[in-house]
């Protein structure tokens, strides 16, 4: 994929900037909004992304997957998450890299990256996607009340080039996007599950005030988490219905 980079010194949110761009002009697929500073970076729900200016990678990638049915939109979350996994694995000395369902990337039990995928749906088709990515590269101290952030520099004690990381992240996401275009759904689904934190291993979760033990068995086509409880019952959860106890 060919990328067009829009570089910003500062913005409220790269996803919000991309939304405004799409409102006022025809934006080509592969347009990337890259900000050195994101004042109000957004996450799922009311969450926000803390990022020290100039230290990390905060971008939004505009995609136009007109080949993908609206019902399959969670595939975008999968390929973007896997692209980040591929990038982090390229360092060779980071261990325990996983996707925490549905859209965070962890090293061990610490969060190193997150995504916010926003799809514009028209009928049964996807008009466009804004794939927001926050990746902790060089920030060494975190001041928000987020419980478990970590950066690449925290782990390998070396400064990471933000611009080179941008190029590499886009390369790996591009490879995964090509798999999606080629309809390699089984490969994508398999890789997503195999890289999923606590896949097929029992762990504690919280749902509606109740703790329970269960093992992640699958993620369905709509992105719902399928957990097999220790009592042998298969339960389905949306994001708002369940909390991982870490």
Protein backbone atom coordinates (compact mmCIF):
# COMPACT_ATOMS: atom_id res chain seq x y z
CA UNK A 1 0.00 0.00 0.00
CA UNK A 2 1.20 3.51 -0.77
CA UNK A 3 1.01 5.86 2.19
CA UNK A 4 0.58 9.62 2.29
CA UNK A 5 1.80 11.07 5.60
CA UNK A 6 0.23 14.18 7.12
CA UNK A 7 2.64 15.22 9.86
CA UNK A 8 1.35 17.40 12.71
CA UNK A 9 3.25 18.92 15.59
CA UNK A 10 0.20 18.77 17.86
CA UNK A 11 -3.48 17.84 17.63
CA UNK A 12 -6.30 16.93 19.99
CA UNK A 13 -6.60 13.45 18.48
CA UNK A 14 -5.36 11.95 15.23
CA UNK A 15 -8.67 10.12 14.82
CA UNK A 16 -10.60 13.37 15.24
CA UNK A 17 -8.30 15.09 12.73
CA UNK A 18 -8.88 12.24 10.28
CA UNK A 19 -12.65 12.50 10.78
CA UNK A 20 -12.56 16.22 9.94
CA UNK A 21 -10.44 15.51 6.89
CA UNK A 22 -12.93 12.95 5.62
CA UNK A 23 -15.81 15.39 6.11
CA UNK A 24 -14.30 18.03 3.86
CA UNK A 25 -12.43 16.25 1.10
CA UNK A 26 -11.93 13.00 -0.76
CA UNK A 27 -9.21 11.22 1.18
CA UNK A 28 -7.17 8.49 -0.45
CA UNK A 29 -6.70 5.11 1.18
CA UNK A 30 -3.35 5.00 2.94
CA UNK A 31 -3.52 8.56 4.23
CA UNK A 32 -1.83 8.65 7.63
CA UNK A 33 -2.23 11.37 10.25
CA UNK A 34 0.90 11.44 12.41
CA UNK A 35 1.14 13.73 15.44
CA UNK A 36 4.16 14.34 17.64
CA UNK A 37 1.79 15.40 20.40
CA UNK A 38 -1.76 14.22 20.96
CA UNK A 39 -3.51 16.29 23.62
CA UNK A 40 -6.64 14.20 24.03
CA UNK A 41 -5.79 10.83 22.56
CA UNK A 42 -8.82 8.57 22.56
CA UNK A 43 -9.36 4.96 23.51
CA UNK A 44 -12.43 2.79 23.76
CA UNK A 45 -15.33 4.31 25.70
CA UNK A 46 -14.18 7.16 27.91
CA UNK A 47 -10.55 6.02 28.01
CA UNK A 48 -7.73 8.23 26.80
CA UNK A 49 -4.20 7.54 25.62
CA UNK A 50 -1.38 9.17 27.58
CA UNK A 51 1.57 10.05 25.37
CA UNK A 52 4.50 12.34 26.09
CA UNK A 53 5.16 14.75 23.20
CA UNK A 54 7.70 13.46 20.70
CA UNK A 55 8.31 10.21 22.56
CA UNK A 56 5.80 7.79 21.09
CA UNK A 57 3.97 6.89 17.91
CA UNK A 58 0.43 8.29 17.64
CA UNK A 59 -1.15 7.86 14.22
CA UNK A 60 -4.42 7.27 12.41
CA UNK A 61 -4.51 5.31 9.16
CA UNK A 62 -7.40 5.78 6.73
CA UNK A 63 -8.45 2.62 4.93
CA UNK A 64 -11.16 1.94 2.36
CA UNK A 65 -11.82 -1.82 2.54
CA UNK A 66 -14.71 -1.87 0.06
CA UNK A 67 -13.98 -5.58 -0.46
CA UNK A 68 -14.99 -6.33 3.15
CA UNK A 69 -18.60 -6.83 4.27
CA UNK A 70 -19.76 -4.65 7.14
CA UNK A 71 -20.45 -7.73 9.24
CA UNK A 72 -16.73 -8.59 9.04
CA UNK A 73 -15.45 -5.23 10.29
CA UNK A 74 -13.74 -6.79 13.32
CA UNK A 75 -11.20 -8.18 10.86
CA UNK A 76 -9.73 -4.67 10.71
CA UNK A 77 -9.06 -4.77 14.47
CA UNK A 78 -7.40 -8.14 13.97
CA UNK A 79 -5.04 -7.13 11.18
CA UNK A 80 -4.01 -3.83 12.83
CA UNK A 81 -3.33 -5.61 16.13
CA UNK A 82 -1.35 -8.30 14.31
CA UNK A 83 0.64 -5.67 12.44
CA UNK A 84 1.70 -4.22 15.79
CA UNK A 85 2.59 -7.70 17.05
CA UNK A 86 4.71 -8.27 13.94
CA UNK A 87 6.48 -4.94 14.48
CA UNK A 88 7.28 -5.68 18.12
CA UNK A 89 8.46 -9.18 17.27
CA UNK A 90 10.90 -7.65 14.78
CA UNK A 91 13.01 -6.37 17.70
CA UNK A 92 13.88 -9.97 18.52
CA UNK A 93 14.46 -9.31 22.23
CA UNK A 94 10.93 -8.62 23.45
CA UNK A 95 9.16 -11.59 24.98
CA UNK A 96 5.58 -12.33 25.99
CA UNK A 97 3.98 -10.11 23.32
CA UNK A 98 0.24 -10.68 23.11
CA UNK A 99 -3.06 -9.09 22.12
CA UNK A 100 -5.34 -8.39 25.06
CA UNK A 101 -8.81 -8.72 23.62
CA UNK A 102 -10.05 -6.89 21.77
CA UNK A 103 -7.54 -4.23 20.76
CA UNK A 104 -4.63 -3.74 23.17
CA UNK A 105 -1.10 -5.07 22.79
CA UNK A 106 0.71 -6.26 25.88
CA UNK A 107 4.23 -7.32 26.78
CA UNK A 108 3.80 -9.65 29.70
CA UNK A 109 1.02 -8.02 31.71
CA UNK A 110 1.89 -4.45 30.69
CA UNK A 111 0.21 -2.43 27.94
CA UNK A 112 2.51 -1.17 25.21
CA UNK A 113 0.01 -0.26 22.47
CA UNK A 114 -3.67 0.23 21.80
CA UNK A 115 -5.90 0.77 18.82
CA UNK A 116 -9.17 2.55 18.19
CA UNK A 117 -10.89 1.33 15.01
CA UNK A 118 -13.77 3.50 13.78
CA UNK A 119 -15.78 2.28 10.79
CA UNK A 120 -18.18 4.31 8.68
CA UNK A 121 -20.84 1.88 7.49
CA UNK A 122 -23.19 2.47 4.56
CA UNK A 123 -25.73 -0.33 4.21
CA UNK A 124 -23.77 -3.57 4.07
CA UNK A 125 -20.54 -1.88 3.01
CA UNK A 126 -17.68 -0.16 4.79
CA UNK A 127 -17.26 3.37 3.46
CA UNK A 128 -13.99 3.98 5.26
CA UNK A 129 -12.05 3.03 8.39
CA UNK A 130 -9.98 5.20 10.69
CA UNK A 131 -7.44 3.00 12.47
CA UNK A 132 -6.03 4.92 15.40
CA UNK A 133 -2.83 3.58 16.96
CA UNK A 134 -0.94 4.56 20.07
CA UNK A 135 2.41 2.83 20.58
CA UNK A 136 4.70 3.53 23.54
CA UNK A 137 8.26 3.83 22.27
CA UNK A 138 10.48 6.12 24.35
CA UNK A 139 8.33 7.37 27.23
CA UNK A 140 9.90 6.23 30.50
CA UNK A 141 7.45 7.59 33.06
CA UNK A 142 3.66 7.55 32.91
CA UNK A 143 1.59 9.91 35.03
CA UNK A 144 -2.02 8.92 34.36
CA UNK A 145 -3.88 6.41 36.50
CA UNK A 146 -3.53 3.74 33.83
CA UNK A 147 -2.46 0.71 35.86
CA UNK A 148 0.10 -0.99 33.64
CA UNK A 149 1.77 1.04 30.85
CA UNK A 150 5.18 0.18 29.48
CA UNK A 151 7.32 1.35 26.55
CA UNK A 152 9.86 -0.31 24.29
CA UNK A 153 12.58 1.78 25.95
CA UNK A 154 11.47 0.59 29.39
CA UNK A 155 12.10 -2.94 28.19
CA UNK A 156 15.26 -2.72 26.09
CA UNK A 157 16.78 0.51 27.52
CA UNK A 158 17.50 1.98 24.12
CA UNK A 159 16.04 5.00 22.32
CA UNK A 160 13.83 4.06 19.39
CA UNK A 161 13.50 6.20 16.25
CA UNK A 162 9.88 7.32 16.02
CA UNK A 163 10.06 7.99 12.27
CA UNK A 164 11.66 4.61 11.53
CA UNK A 165 9.05 2.95 13.73
CA UNK A 166 6.30 4.68 11.76
CA UNK A 167 7.71 3.27 8.53
CA UNK A 168 7.99 -0.23 10.01
CA UNK A 169 4.55 -0.25 11.62
CA UNK A 170 2.93 0.81 8.34
CA UNK A 171 4.90 -1.86 6.49
CA UNK A 172 3.67 -4.64 8.78
CA UNK A 173 0.08 -3.38 8.80
CA UNK A 174 0.26 -3.23 5.00
CA UNK A 175 1.29 -6.89 4.86
CA UNK A 176 -1.63 -7.88 7.08
CA UNK A 177 -4.01 -5.71 5.04
CA UNK A 178 -2.87 -7.51 1.91
CA UNK A 179 -3.79 -10.82 3.59
CA UNK A 180 -7.25 -9.38 4.22
CA UNK A 181 -7.59 -8.32 0.58
CA UNK A 182 -6.57 -11.81 -0.48
CA UNK A 183 -9.30 -13.19 1.83
CA UNK A 184 -6.85 -15.20 3.93
CA UNK A 185 -9.36 -15.14 6.76
CA UNK A 186 -8.33 -18.48 8.25
CA UNK A 187 -4.71 -17.34 8.51
CA UNK A 188 -5.68 -14.03 10.11
CA UNK A 189 -8.12 -15.64 12.55
CA UNK A 190 -5.60 -18.31 13.53
CA UNK A 191 -2.79 -15.78 14.07
CA UNK A 192 -5.09 -13.53 16.12
CA UNK A 193 -6.11 -16.37 18.42
CA UNK A 194 -2.58 -17.73 18.79
CA UNK A 195 -1.40 -14.28 19.86
CA UNK A 196 -4.32 -13.68 22.24
CA UNK A 197 -3.51 -13.20 25.92
CA UNK A 198 -4.82 -16.15 28.00
CA UNK A 199 -5.95 -18.10 24.94
CA UNK A 200 -6.85 -21.64 26.04
CA UNK A 201 -5.48 -21.01 29.56
CA UNK A 202 -7.65 -20.52 32.64
CA UNK A 203 -7.71 -17.08 34.17
CA UNK A 204 -9.93 -14.94 36.41
CA UNK A 205 -12.47 -12.51 34.94
CA UNK A 206 -15.09 -10.17 36.34
CA UNK A 207 -18.57 -9.88 34.84
CA UNK A 208 -21.56 -8.08 36.40
CA UNK A 209 -19.81 -7.99 39.76
CA UNK A 210 -19.04 -11.70 39.78
CA UNK A 211 -15.61 -13.30 39.50
CA UNK A 212 -15.23 -16.51 37.56
CA UNK A 213 -12.51 -18.71 36.09
CA UNK A 214 -12.45 -19.41 32.42
CA UNK A 215 -10.33 -20.01 29.34
CA UNK A 216 -10.66 -18.01 26.13
CA UNK A 217 -11.92 -20.42 23.48
CA UNK A 218 -12.58 -18.14 20.51
CA UNK A 219 -13.53 -14.70 19.25
CA UNK A 220 -16.57 -14.75 16.98
CA UNK A 221 -16.94 -12.91 13.68
CA UNK A 222 -18.52 -9.93 15.45
CA UNK A 223 -15.60 -9.64 17.87
CA UNK A 224 -17.36 -11.14 20.90
CA UNK A 225 -15.16 -13.03 23.33
CA UNK A 226 -16.02 -16.71 23.84
CA UNK A 227 -14.94 -18.06 27.24
CA UNK A 228 -15.24 -21.63 28.48
CA UNK A 229 -15.88 -21.48 32.23
CA UNK A 230 -14.36 -23.98 34.62
CA UNK A 231 -17.88 -25.36 34.95
CA UNK A 232 -17.88 -26.28 31.26
CA UNK A 233 -20.22 -23.52 30.05
CA UNK A 234 -19.34 -21.51 26.93
CA UNK A 235 -20.21 -17.84 27.46
CA UNK A 236 -20.10 -14.89 25.05
CA UNK A 237 -19.07 -11.37 26.09
CA UNK A 238 -18.95 -7.91 24.59
CA UNK A 239 -16.32 -5.42 25.72
CA UNK A 240 -18.58 -3.70 28.26
CA UNK A 241 -19.61 -7.02 29.82
CA UNK A 242 -16.27 -8.33 31.08
CA UNK A 243 -13.08 -7.24 32.82
CA UNK A 244 -9.76 -9.07 32.88
CA UNK A 245 -8.31 -9.44 36.39
CA UNK A 246 -4.58 -8.91 35.93
